[in-house]
Amino acid sequence: MQLALAQAREAAAAGEVPVGAVLVRNGEVIATGRNAPIDGHDPTAHAEIVALRVAAQKLGNYRLEDCELYVTLEPCAMCAGAMLHARLKQVVFGAADPKTGAAGSVVNLFAEQKLNHQTQVTGGVLAEESSALLQGFFQQRRSDQRDAARRLHPLRDDALRTPDAALEDLPGYPWAPNYISDLPALGGLRMHYLDEQGQGSSAGLTFLCLHGNPAWSYLYRKMIPVFLEAGHRVVAPDMPGFGKSDKPKRESFHTFDQHRQTLLEFVERLDLQNVVLVVQDWGGLLGLTLPMAAPRRYMGLLVMNTMLACGDAPLSKGFLAWREMCAKNPEFDVARLFSRGNPQMTAAECAAYNAPFPDRGHRAALRAFPSMVPEFEDSGGAAVSREARDFWRSRWSGQTLMVVGAQDPVLGLPVMQQLKATIRGCPEPVVIEEAGHFVQEHGEAIAQMAIGVFDKST
């Protein structure tokens, strides 16, 4: 196993995941191997496979019945299958692999009695050394990636950036980050967004998913897989001050016009077409003002628990109560907020919503947004919201799906019925009785509804 660890170190030095293997026959080393899929452009070039190939060539036989293989990481299903096919006598591995291990961690192919050959397996030999090598490799790689990102998107002096470690391994959120910092409205701030493309469907829709306050793109984790499975594209940005985006330190940065302009430039830069606009909370306050600027880009609207605040009608009592609570408790616990309204969520999911805001300095947007809702006719954003209202009343020609969380005390069914009357051709809302304000926490069923509505319209 020490020889296998030496091979793993060679793999790490070559930029490969550090896994090494040694094949022994009658006490004699006859083959070694290290991970090399990147170097060889070969997805099968795992350390074990490399060693098996060398041994088979040396012995002139693909059957390796008298051989034992030592490898630093629990074999995957591919490697386990090859070992069984080669009829190895024994396999000894170091660290367990909880994600792909096929010797007991995920599945145990070696224990399958229906197979015509059984190979003995021993795990945990020099496991700590093997695990430390892997952990060190991935820590260094993440550090290198962070350094590269900082060079590409330097942090402004007047902004903060949530540490990457706080936003890793969040439950139900496996997607790779994308960043942009050269939009004029950003002024050099780094803005994060998800941009995922499904496979197999020909409809070609783009679901543009806009979050509200105090949420971020994590809000759509239950809807994104459904859209992708249907073959569509999903784009979900984090507005400045939220999620993985940079967070200006000053509350004064956050204005209605600032965030609307950022979203307009973002849509233009990515040249989004055939868009289904998916909005809730502030995603709607801002997002519902976007289509009138480029109507041909938008063909559908999925609207949930939001409103257009035009400044010519009183804000709801529920919203005024929310605004007062935020003013009195500016450091409110985001995780607790989600837990209270969504008892089906796990503690880890609730904590994920809180992860982007580790301290008061990262929370300027959370403090600013409640007071940004246009209340009077001359409030910031009120005039453009009235223009948007006219657009939805008279010029909107796309399909609409309205879904309402009935338990929302701020933007529930009465507010949404008012919005329905504003949107041309909007059908009766679908009411989810058990859902609250963050209706996306019931998002899988909503996304399936949306596919049924908007796939038919393409």
Protein backbone atom coordinates (compact mmCIF):
# COMPACT_ATOMS: atom_id res chain seq x y z
CA MET A 1 0.00 0.00 0.00
CA GLN A 2 2.96 2.32 0.57
CA LEU A 3 3.93 1.71 -3.07
CA ALA A 4 0.35 2.50 -4.10
CA LEU A 5 0.54 5.75 -2.12
CA ALA A 6 3.73 6.63 -4.00
CA GLN A 7 1.82 6.16 -7.27
CA ALA A 8 -0.97 8.36 -5.93
CA ARG A 9 1.53 11.13 -5.18
CA GLU A 10 2.80 10.89 -8.77
CA ALA A 11 -0.78 11.29 -9.98
CA ALA A 12 -1.22 14.40 -7.84
CA ALA A 13 2.02 15.87 -9.20
CA ALA A 14 0.62 15.39 -12.71
CA GLY A 15 -2.64 17.17 -11.82
CA GLU A 16 -4.68 13.98 -11.57
CA VAL A 17 -6.84 12.91 -8.63
CA PRO A 18 -4.29 11.13 -6.39
CA VAL A 19 -5.13 7.45 -6.60
CA GLY A 20 -2.47 4.77 -7.00
CA ALA A 21 -2.55 1.00 -7.45
CA VAL A 22 -0.09 -1.89 -7.24
CA LEU A 23 -0.70 -5.44 -8.46
CA VAL A 24 1.11 -8.30 -6.76
CA ARG A 25 1.53 -11.96 -7.73
CA ASN A 26 3.03 -14.46 -5.33
CA GLY A 27 4.56 -11.61 -3.30
CA GLU A 28 6.13 -9.94 -6.36
CA VAL A 29 5.04 -6.54 -7.72
CA ILE A 30 4.25 -7.07 -11.39
CA ALA A 31 2.38 -3.84 -12.21
CA THR A 32 1.69 -0.35 -10.93
CA GLY A 33 -0.78 2.31 -12.00
CA ARG A 34 -1.84 5.85 -11.22
CA ASN A 35 -4.85 7.87 -12.20
CA ALA A 36 -4.43 9.31 -15.72
CA PRO A 37 -7.84 10.11 -17.28
CA ILE A 38 -6.96 13.78 -17.83
CA ASP A 39 -3.52 13.17 -19.27
CA GLY A 40 -4.71 10.35 -21.51
CA HIS A 41 -8.12 11.79 -22.40
CA ASP A 42 -9.41 8.41 -21.26
CA PRO A 43 -12.32 8.09 -18.82
CA THR A 44 -11.31 4.48 -18.11
CA ALA A 45 -7.73 5.31 -17.08
CA HIS A 46 -8.23 4.83 -13.35
CA ALA A 47 -5.25 3.61 -11.38
CA GLU A 48 -6.66 0.10 -11.04
CA ILE A 49 -7.41 -0.24 -14.76
CA VAL A 50 -3.92 0.97 -15.66
CA ALA A 51 -2.37 -1.64 -13.36
CA LEU A 52 -4.63 -4.41 -14.66
CA ARG A 53 -3.68 -3.63 -18.26
CA VAL A 54 0.04 -3.67 -17.50
CA ALA A 55 -0.24 -6.96 -15.61
CA ALA A 56 -2.31 -8.65 -18.30
CA GLN A 57 0.20 -7.68 -20.98
CA LYS A 58 3.12 -8.84 -18.84
CA LEU A 59 1.55 -12.21 -18.05
CA GLY A 60 0.00 -12.68 -21.48
CA ASN A 61 -3.40 -13.41 -19.99
CA TYR A 62 -6.38 -11.31 -19.04
CA ARG A 63 -7.17 -13.73 -16.26
CA LEU A 64 -5.24 -12.67 -13.14
CA GLU A 65 -6.45 -15.34 -10.75
CA ASP A 66 -3.34 -15.50 -8.54
CA CYS A 67 -3.01 -11.72 -8.18
CA GLU A 68 -3.80 -9.23 -5.47
CA LEU A 69 -4.44 -5.54 -6.12
CA TYR A 70 -3.70 -2.75 -3.64
CA VAL A 71 -5.32 0.62 -4.29
CA THR A 72 -5.48 3.79 -2.19
CA LEU A 73 -9.20 4.46 -2.78
CA GLU A 74 -12.21 2.16 -2.77
CA PRO A 75 -12.81 1.00 -6.37
CA CYS A 76 -15.66 2.44 -8.41
CA ALA A 77 -18.16 0.22 -10.25
CA MET A 78 -16.11 0.25 -13.45
CA CYS A 79 -12.94 -0.86 -11.70
CA ALA A 80 -14.74 -3.39 -9.53
CA GLY A 81 -16.26 -4.95 -12.64
CA ALA A 82 -12.85 -5.19 -14.28
CA MET A 83 -11.36 -6.81 -11.18
CA LEU A 84 -14.10 -9.39 -11.06
CA HIS A 85 -13.75 -10.06 -14.77
CA ALA A 86 -10.00 -10.55 -14.27
CA ARG A 87 -10.82 -12.92 -11.40
CA LEU A 88 -8.45 -11.30 -8.96
CA LYS A 89 -7.82 -13.25 -5.78
CA GLN A 90 -7.99 -10.23 -3.47
CA VAL A 91 -8.44 -6.47 -3.47
CA VAL A 92 -7.09 -4.28 -0.65
CA PHE A 93 -8.04 -0.59 -0.56
CA GLY A 94 -7.27 2.39 1.65
CA ALA A 95 -9.87 5.15 1.94
CA ALA A 96 -13.59 4.55 1.49
CA ASP A 97 -15.37 6.49 -1.26
CA PRO A 98 -18.84 7.54 -0.05
CA LYS A 99 -19.83 8.91 -3.46
CA THR A 100 -18.80 6.19 -5.94
CA GLY A 101 -17.39 3.31 -3.91
CA ALA A 102 -18.46 -0.12 -5.20
CA ALA A 103 -17.01 -2.20 -2.35
CA GLY A 104 -19.63 -1.30 0.22
CA SER A 105 -19.94 2.50 0.37
CA VAL A 106 -22.54 2.94 -2.39
CA VAL A 107 -22.92 -0.61 -3.68
CA ASN A 108 -20.96 -3.79 -3.08
CA LEU A 109 -20.35 -5.63 -6.32
CA PHE A 110 -17.91 -7.93 -4.61
CA ALA A 111 -20.69 -9.29 -2.40
CA GLU A 112 -22.98 -10.17 -5.29
CA GLN A 113 -23.41 -13.93 -5.02
CA LYS A 114 -24.99 -14.26 -8.46
CA LEU A 115 -21.66 -13.41 -10.11
CA ASN A 116 -19.57 -16.39 -11.19
CA HIS A 117 -16.48 -15.18 -9.33
CA GLN A 118 -15.96 -13.77 -5.86
CA THR A 119 -12.96 -11.62 -5.00
CA GLN A 120 -11.97 -11.10 -1.39
CA VAL A 121 -11.98 -7.47 -0.28
CA THR A 122 -10.21 -5.73 2.59
CA GLY A 123 -10.67 -2.03 3.22
CA GLY A 124 -9.20 0.61 5.49
CA VAL A 125 -5.49 -0.21 5.04
CA LEU A 126 -3.55 3.05 5.46
CA ALA A 127 -6.92 4.79 5.13
CA GLU A 128 -5.84 7.95 6.97
CA GLU A 129 -2.81 8.46 4.72
CA SER A 130 -4.92 7.84 1.61
CA SER A 131 -7.67 10.21 2.77
CA ALA A 132 -5.19 12.95 3.73
CA LEU A 133 -3.65 12.80 0.26
CA LEU A 134 -7.03 13.17 -1.40
CA GLN A 135 -8.19 15.93 0.94
CA GLY A 136 -4.99 17.90 0.46
CA PHE A 137 -5.29 17.61 -3.31
CA PHE A 138 -8.87 18.91 -3.43
CA GLN A 139 -8.19 21.66 -0.92
CA GLN A 140 -5.33 22.88 -3.07
CA ARG A 141 -7.44 22.68 -6.21
CA ARG A 142 -10.23 24.72 -4.60
CA SER A 143 -7.67 27.24 -3.42
CA ASP A 144 -6.26 27.52 -6.93
CA GLN A 145 -9.73 28.00 -8.35
CA ARG A 146 -10.47 30.72 -5.80
CA ASP A 147 -7.20 32.48 -6.63
CA ALA A 148 -8.02 32.34 -10.33
CA ALA A 149 -11.49 33.74 -9.67
CA ARG A 150 -10.06 36.59 -7.61
CA ARG A 151 -7.67 37.50 -10.40
CA LEU A 152 -10.48 37.43 -12.93
CA HIS A 153 -13.01 39.19 -10.68
CA PRO A 154 -11.11 41.29 -8.10
CA LEU A 155 -13.06 42.32 -5.04
CA ARG A 156 -13.95 46.00 -4.74
CA ASP A 157 -12.85 47.79 -1.58
CA ASP A 158 -16.43 48.73 -0.75
CA ALA A 159 -17.79 45.19 -1.03
CA LEU A 160 -17.57 41.82 0.71
CA ARG A 161 -17.48 38.31 -0.72
CA THR A 162 -18.86 35.38 1.24
CA PRO A 163 -16.09 32.79 1.73
CA ASP A 164 -16.43 29.92 -0.74
CA ALA A 165 -16.19 27.40 2.08
CA ALA A 166 -19.47 28.68 3.53
CA LEU A 167 -21.26 27.90 0.26
CA GLU A 168 -19.88 24.45 -0.52
CA ASP A 169 -21.75 21.14 -0.29
CA LEU A 170 -25.16 22.71 0.24
CA PRO A 171 -27.97 20.13 0.15
CA GLY A 172 -29.70 19.89 -3.22
CA TYR A 173 -27.50 22.53 -4.90
CA PRO A 174 -24.85 20.73 -7.02
CA TRP A 175 -24.52 23.17 -9.91
CA ALA A 176 -21.30 24.87 -11.00
CA PRO A 177 -21.07 28.64 -10.42
CA ASN A 178 -20.80 31.21 -13.20
CA TYR A 179 -19.63 34.77 -12.65
CA ILE A 180 -19.82 38.07 -14.49
CA SER A 181 -18.33 41.39 -13.43
CA ASP A 182 -18.18 43.59 -16.52
CA LEU A 183 -21.79 44.72 -16.75
CA PRO A 184 -21.79 48.54 -16.56
CA ALA A 185 -24.35 48.52 -13.75
CA LEU A 186 -22.15 46.24 -11.63
CA GLY A 187 -19.18 48.60 -11.69
CA GLY A 188 -16.80 45.68 -11.18
CA LEU A 189 -18.86 43.76 -8.63
CA ARG A 190 -18.88 40.01 -9.19
CA MET A 191 -22.34 38.61 -9.88
CA HIS A 192 -23.05 34.91 -9.62
CA TYR A 193 -25.53 32.95 -11.70
CA LEU A 194 -26.45 29.39 -12.55
CA ASP A 195 -26.66 28.52 -16.22
CA GLU A 196 -27.61 24.91 -16.85
CA GLN A 197 -28.78 23.22 -20.07
CA GLY A 198 -30.92 20.10 -20.04
CA GLN A 199 -30.57 17.29 -22.51
CA GLY A 200 -32.93 15.63 -24.92
CA SER A 201 -35.83 18.02 -25.49
CA SER A 202 -36.24 20.25 -28.53
CA ALA A 203 -38.44 22.98 -27.03
CA GLY A 204 -35.57 25.35 -26.31
CA LEU A 205 -37.11 27.31 -23.44
CA THR A 206 -35.00 29.38 -21.05
CA PHE A 207 -36.38 29.55 -17.51
CA LEU A 208 -35.08 32.79 -16.00
CA CYS A 209 -35.53 32.32 -12.25
CA LEU A 210 -35.39 35.47 -10.12
CA HIS A 211 -35.24 35.27 -6.33
CA GLY A 212 -36.44 37.68 -3.68
CA ASN A 213 -35.33 38.86 -0.25
CA PRO A 214 -33.78 37.29 1.83
CA ALA A 215 -33.42 34.36 -0.56
CA TRP A 216 -31.02 33.61 -3.41
CA SER A 217 -30.77 31.12 -6.28
CA TYR A 218 -30.85 28.25 -3.76
CA LEU A 219 -34.59 28.96 -3.69
CA TYR A 220 -35.01 27.21 -7.06
CA ARG A 221 -33.12 23.99 -6.28
CA LYS A 222 -36.33 21.89 -6.40
CA MET A 223 -37.53 23.36 -9.69
CA ILE A 224 -34.28 23.38 -11.66
CA PRO A 225 -33.98 19.57 -12.01
CA VAL A 226 -37.50 19.35 -13.47
CA PHE A 227 -36.77 22.03 -16.06
CA LEU A 228 -33.48 20.37 -16.96
CA GLU A 229 -34.99 16.91 -17.20
CA ALA A 230 -37.43 18.31 -19.76
CA GLY A 231 -34.44 19.52 -21.79
CA HIS A 232 -34.67 23.24 -21.11
CA ARG A 233 -32.14 25.84 -20.07
CA VAL A 234 -32.21 27.39 -16.60
CA VAL A 235 -30.59 30.70 -15.71
CA ALA A 236 -30.79 31.76 -12.06
CA PRO A 237 -28.80 34.85 -10.99
CA ASP A 238 -28.00 36.02 -7.48
CA MET A 239 -28.67 39.74 -7.32
CA PRO A 240 -25.82 41.86 -5.92
CA GLY A 241 -25.89 41.56 -2.15
CA PHE A 242 -27.29 38.01 -2.20
CA GLY A 243 -26.07 34.45 -2.51
CA LYS A 244 -22.67 34.01 -4.12
CA SER A 245 -22.65 37.53 -5.58
CA ASP A 246 -20.53 40.31 -4.09
CA LYS A 247 -22.15 42.27 -1.29
CA PRO A 248 -21.73 46.05 -1.23
CA LYS A 249 -21.11 47.26 2.31
CA ARG A 250 -23.34 50.31 2.02
CA GLU A 251 -27.11 50.00 2.08
CA SER A 252 -27.29 53.05 -0.19
CA PHE A 253 -26.00 50.94 -3.11
CA HIS A 254 -29.31 49.11 -3.20
CA THR A 255 -31.96 50.95 -5.17
CA PHE A 256 -34.79 49.75 -7.37
CA ASP A 257 -33.25 51.28 -10.49
CA GLN A 258 -29.80 49.86 -9.73
CA HIS A 259 -31.04 46.28 -9.50
CA ARG A 260 -33.42 46.59 -12.44
CA GLN A 261 -30.64 47.93 -14.65
CA THR A 262 -28.37 45.08 -13.59
CA LEU A 263 -31.00 42.53 -14.60
CA LEU A 264 -31.68 44.26 -17.92
CA GLU A 265 -27.97 44.22 -18.77
CA PHE A 266 -27.66 40.62 -17.61
CA VAL A 267 -30.44 39.45 -19.93
CA GLU A 268 -28.90 41.37 -22.83
CA ARG A 269 -25.38 40.07 -22.17
CA LEU A 270 -26.51 36.45 -22.11
CA ASP A 271 -28.83 37.18 -25.05
CA LEU A 272 -31.61 35.14 -23.48
CA GLN A 273 -34.33 34.07 -25.90
CA ASN A 274 -37.64 32.21 -25.61
CA VAL A 275 -37.69 33.14 -21.93
CA VAL A 276 -40.14 31.92 -19.34
CA LEU A 277 -39.84 34.52 -16.59
CA VAL A 278 -40.08 32.84 -13.17
CA VAL A 279 -40.59 35.31 -10.34
CA GLN A 280 -41.49 35.55 -6.66
CA ASP A 281 -41.18 38.31 -4.04
CA TRP A 282 -38.58 40.88 -5.21
CA GLY A 283 -37.99 38.70 -8.24
CA GLY A 284 -41.44 39.89 -9.30
CA LEU A 285 -41.20 43.50 -8.12
CA LEU A 286 -38.14 43.85 -10.35
CA GLY A 287 -38.67 41.06 -12.86
CA LEU A 288 -42.16 42.10 -13.92
CA THR A 289 -40.66 45.37 -15.21
CA LEU A 290 -38.24 43.57 -17.58
CA PRO A 291 -40.33 42.18 -20.48
CA MET A 292 -41.63 45.54 -21.64
CA ALA A 293 -38.01 46.51 -22.44
CA ALA A 294 -37.60 43.57 -24.85
CA PRO A 295 -40.97 41.83 -25.38
CA ARG A 296 -39.70 39.47 -28.08
CA ARG A 297 -37.40 37.74 -25.61
CA TYR A 298 -40.26 36.59 -23.37
CA MET A 299 -42.90 33.98 -24.14
CA GLY A 300 -44.06 32.89 -20.70
CA LEU A 301 -44.57 33.99 -17.11
CA LEU A 302 -44.58 31.81 -14.01
CA VAL A 303 -45.52 34.18 -11.20
CA MET A 304 -45.65 33.31 -7.49
CA ASN A 305 -46.41 35.37 -4.39
CA THR A 306 -45.31 38.80 -5.57
CA MET A 307 -46.74 42.12 -6.70
CA LEU A 308 -46.22 45.25 -8.76
CA ALA A 309 -45.78 48.19 -6.38
CA CYS A 310 -46.85 51.24 -8.37
CA GLY A 311 -47.06 53.81 -5.57
CA ASP A 312 -50.68 54.73 -6.29
CA ALA A 313 -52.31 52.25 -3.91
CA PRO A 314 -51.60 51.50 -0.26
CA LEU A 315 -49.21 48.67 0.50
CA SER A 316 -50.82 45.69 2.16
CA LYS A 317 -50.99 45.42 5.95
CA GLY A 318 -49.01 42.20 5.72
CA PHE A 319 -46.16 43.90 3.92
CA LEU A 320 -46.14 46.87 6.29
CA ALA A 321 -45.89 44.44 9.21
CA TRP A 322 -42.97 42.66 7.52
CA ARG A 323 -41.20 45.95 6.89
CA GLU A 324 -41.67 46.98 10.52
CA MET A 325 -40.28 43.65 11.73
CA CYS A 326 -37.20 44.05 9.52
CA ALA A 327 -36.61 47.56 10.81
CA LYS A 328 -36.84 46.44 14.45
CA ASN A 329 -34.82 43.23 13.91
CA PRO A 330 -32.29 43.98 11.14
CA GLU A 331 -30.19 40.92 12.08
CA PHE A 332 -33.09 38.44 12.02
CA ASP A 333 -32.16 34.79 11.59
CA VAL A 334 -32.76 33.85 7.95
CA ALA A 335 -32.63 30.12 8.69
CA ARG A 336 -35.25 30.48 11.40
CA LEU A 337 -37.48 32.48 9.03
CA PHE A 338 -37.46 29.63 6.51
CA SER A 339 -37.89 26.98 9.19
CA ARG A 340 -40.91 28.71 10.69
CA GLY A 341 -42.78 28.87 7.40
CA ASN A 342 -41.58 25.56 5.96
CA PRO A 343 -41.67 22.80 8.58
CA GLN A 344 -40.89 20.19 5.92
CA MET A 345 -37.41 21.67 5.35
CA THR A 346 -34.35 20.12 7.01
CA ALA A 347 -32.11 22.12 9.31
CA ALA A 348 -29.34 21.92 6.69
CA GLU A 349 -31.61 23.40 4.02
CA CYS A 350 -32.62 26.27 6.30
CA ALA A 351 -28.98 26.91 7.16
CA ALA A 352 -28.13 27.07 3.45
CA TYR A 353 -30.32 30.15 3.08
CA ASN A 354 -28.36 31.79 5.88
CA ALA A 355 -24.94 30.77 4.51
CA PRO A 356 -24.35 33.83 2.26
CA PHE A 357 -24.78 36.20 5.23
CA PRO A 358 -22.20 35.18 7.87
CA ASP A 359 -22.21 38.54 9.66
CA ARG A 360 -23.76 42.00 9.73
CA GLY A 361 -21.42 43.34 7.04
CA HIS A 362 -22.79 40.87 4.50
CA ARG A 363 -26.42 41.84 5.20
CA ALA A 364 -26.70 45.33 3.73
CA ALA A 365 -29.12 44.13 1.02
CA LEU A 366 -31.32 42.39 3.60
CA ARG A 367 -31.62 45.64 5.53
CA ALA A 368 -32.18 47.80 2.44
CA PHE A 369 -34.74 45.84 0.43
CA PRO A 370 -37.84 46.16 2.68
CA SER A 371 -37.74 49.95 2.47
CA MET A 372 -37.11 49.87 -1.30
CA VAL A 373 -40.64 48.71 -2.13
CA PRO A 374 -42.27 51.69 -3.87
CA GLU A 375 -44.85 53.17 -1.51
CA PHE A 376 -45.65 56.54 -3.08
CA GLU A 377 -46.05 57.76 -6.65
CA ASP A 378 -42.63 59.40 -6.60
CA SER A 379 -40.84 56.50 -4.91
CA GLY A 380 -37.95 54.93 -6.75
CA GLY A 381 -39.30 52.29 -9.12
CA ALA A 382 -42.93 53.42 -8.91
CA ALA A 383 -43.08 55.07 -12.34
CA VAL A 384 -41.48 52.14 -14.16
CA SER A 385 -43.78 49.77 -12.28
CA ARG A 386 -46.79 51.70 -13.55
CA GLU A 387 -45.40 51.39 -17.09
CA ALA A 388 -45.02 47.67 -16.51
CA ARG A 389 -48.60 47.44 -15.27
CA ASP A 390 -49.79 49.00 -18.51
CA PHE A 391 -47.66 46.51 -20.47
CA TRP A 392 -49.13 43.51 -18.69
CA ARG A 393 -52.67 44.85 -19.09
CA SER A 394 -52.56 45.63 -22.79
CA ARG A 395 -49.47 44.23 -24.54
CA TRP A 396 -48.60 40.90 -22.93
CA SER A 397 -49.36 38.05 -25.34
CA GLY A 398 -47.53 35.13 -23.75
CA GLN A 399 -48.72 32.25 -21.59
CA THR A 400 -49.07 32.79 -17.83
CA LEU A 401 -49.14 30.40 -14.89
CA MET A 402 -49.89 31.89 -11.47
CA VAL A 403 -49.20 29.80 -8.36
CA VAL A 404 -49.97 31.05 -4.86
CA GLY A 405 -48.84 29.84 -1.46
CA ALA A 406 -52.00 30.24 0.59
CA GLN A 407 -50.24 30.58 3.95
CA ASP A 408 -48.32 33.72 2.94
CA PRO A 409 -49.34 36.60 5.26
CA VAL A 410 -47.56 39.21 3.13
CA LEU A 411 -48.14 38.39 -0.54
CA GLY A 412 -50.86 35.78 -0.35
CA LEU A 413 -54.01 35.16 -2.38
CA PRO A 414 -55.68 38.61 -1.99
CA VAL A 415 -52.57 40.38 -3.29
CA MET A 416 -52.14 37.85 -6.09
CA GLN A 417 -55.78 38.19 -7.17
CA GLN A 418 -55.10 41.89 -7.65
CA LEU A 419 -52.05 41.05 -9.75
CA LYS A 420 -54.07 38.51 -11.76
CA ALA A 421 -56.46 41.29 -12.79
CA THR A 422 -53.45 43.20 -14.13
CA ILE A 423 -52.03 40.41 -16.34
CA ARG A 424 -53.74 39.98 -19.66
CA GLY A 425 -55.01 36.44 -20.19
CA CYS A 426 -53.92 35.23 -16.76
CA PRO A 427 -55.92 32.14 -15.75
CA GLU A 428 -57.16 31.45 -12.26
CA PRO A 429 -54.25 30.94 -9.87
CA VAL A 430 -53.24 27.51 -8.68
CA VAL A 431 -53.41 27.66 -4.89
CA ILE A 432 -51.10 25.47 -2.82
CA GLU A 433 -52.80 25.39 0.55
CA GLU A 434 -49.81 24.17 2.58
CA ALA A 435 -47.32 26.61 1.02
CA GLY A 436 -46.30 29.93 2.50
CA HIS A 437 -44.39 32.87 1.10
CA PHE A 438 -41.51 30.81 -0.25
CA VAL A 439 -43.71 28.72 -2.47
CA GLN A 440 -40.68 27.35 -4.36
CA GLU A 441 -40.11 25.03 -1.42
CA HIS A 442 -42.96 23.08 -3.04
CA GLY A 443 -41.31 23.64 -6.38
CA GLU A 444 -41.16 20.19 -7.96
CA ALA A 445 -44.91 20.01 -8.51
CA ILE A 446 -44.99 23.65 -9.66
CA ALA A 447 -42.22 23.03 -12.18
CA GLN A 448 -44.10 20.03 -13.55
CA MET A 449 -47.16 22.25 -14.00
CA ALA A 450 -45.03 24.82 -15.78
CA ILE A 451 -43.64 22.24 -18.20
CA GLY A 452 -47.20 21.23 -19.04
CA VAL A 453 -48.19 24.83 -19.70
CA PHE A 454 -45.16 26.23 -21.52
CA ASP A 455 -44.06 23.16 -23.50
CA LYS A 456 -47.45 23.19 -25.20
CA SER A 457 -47.09 26.84 -26.16
CA THR A 458 -43.77 26.43 -28.04
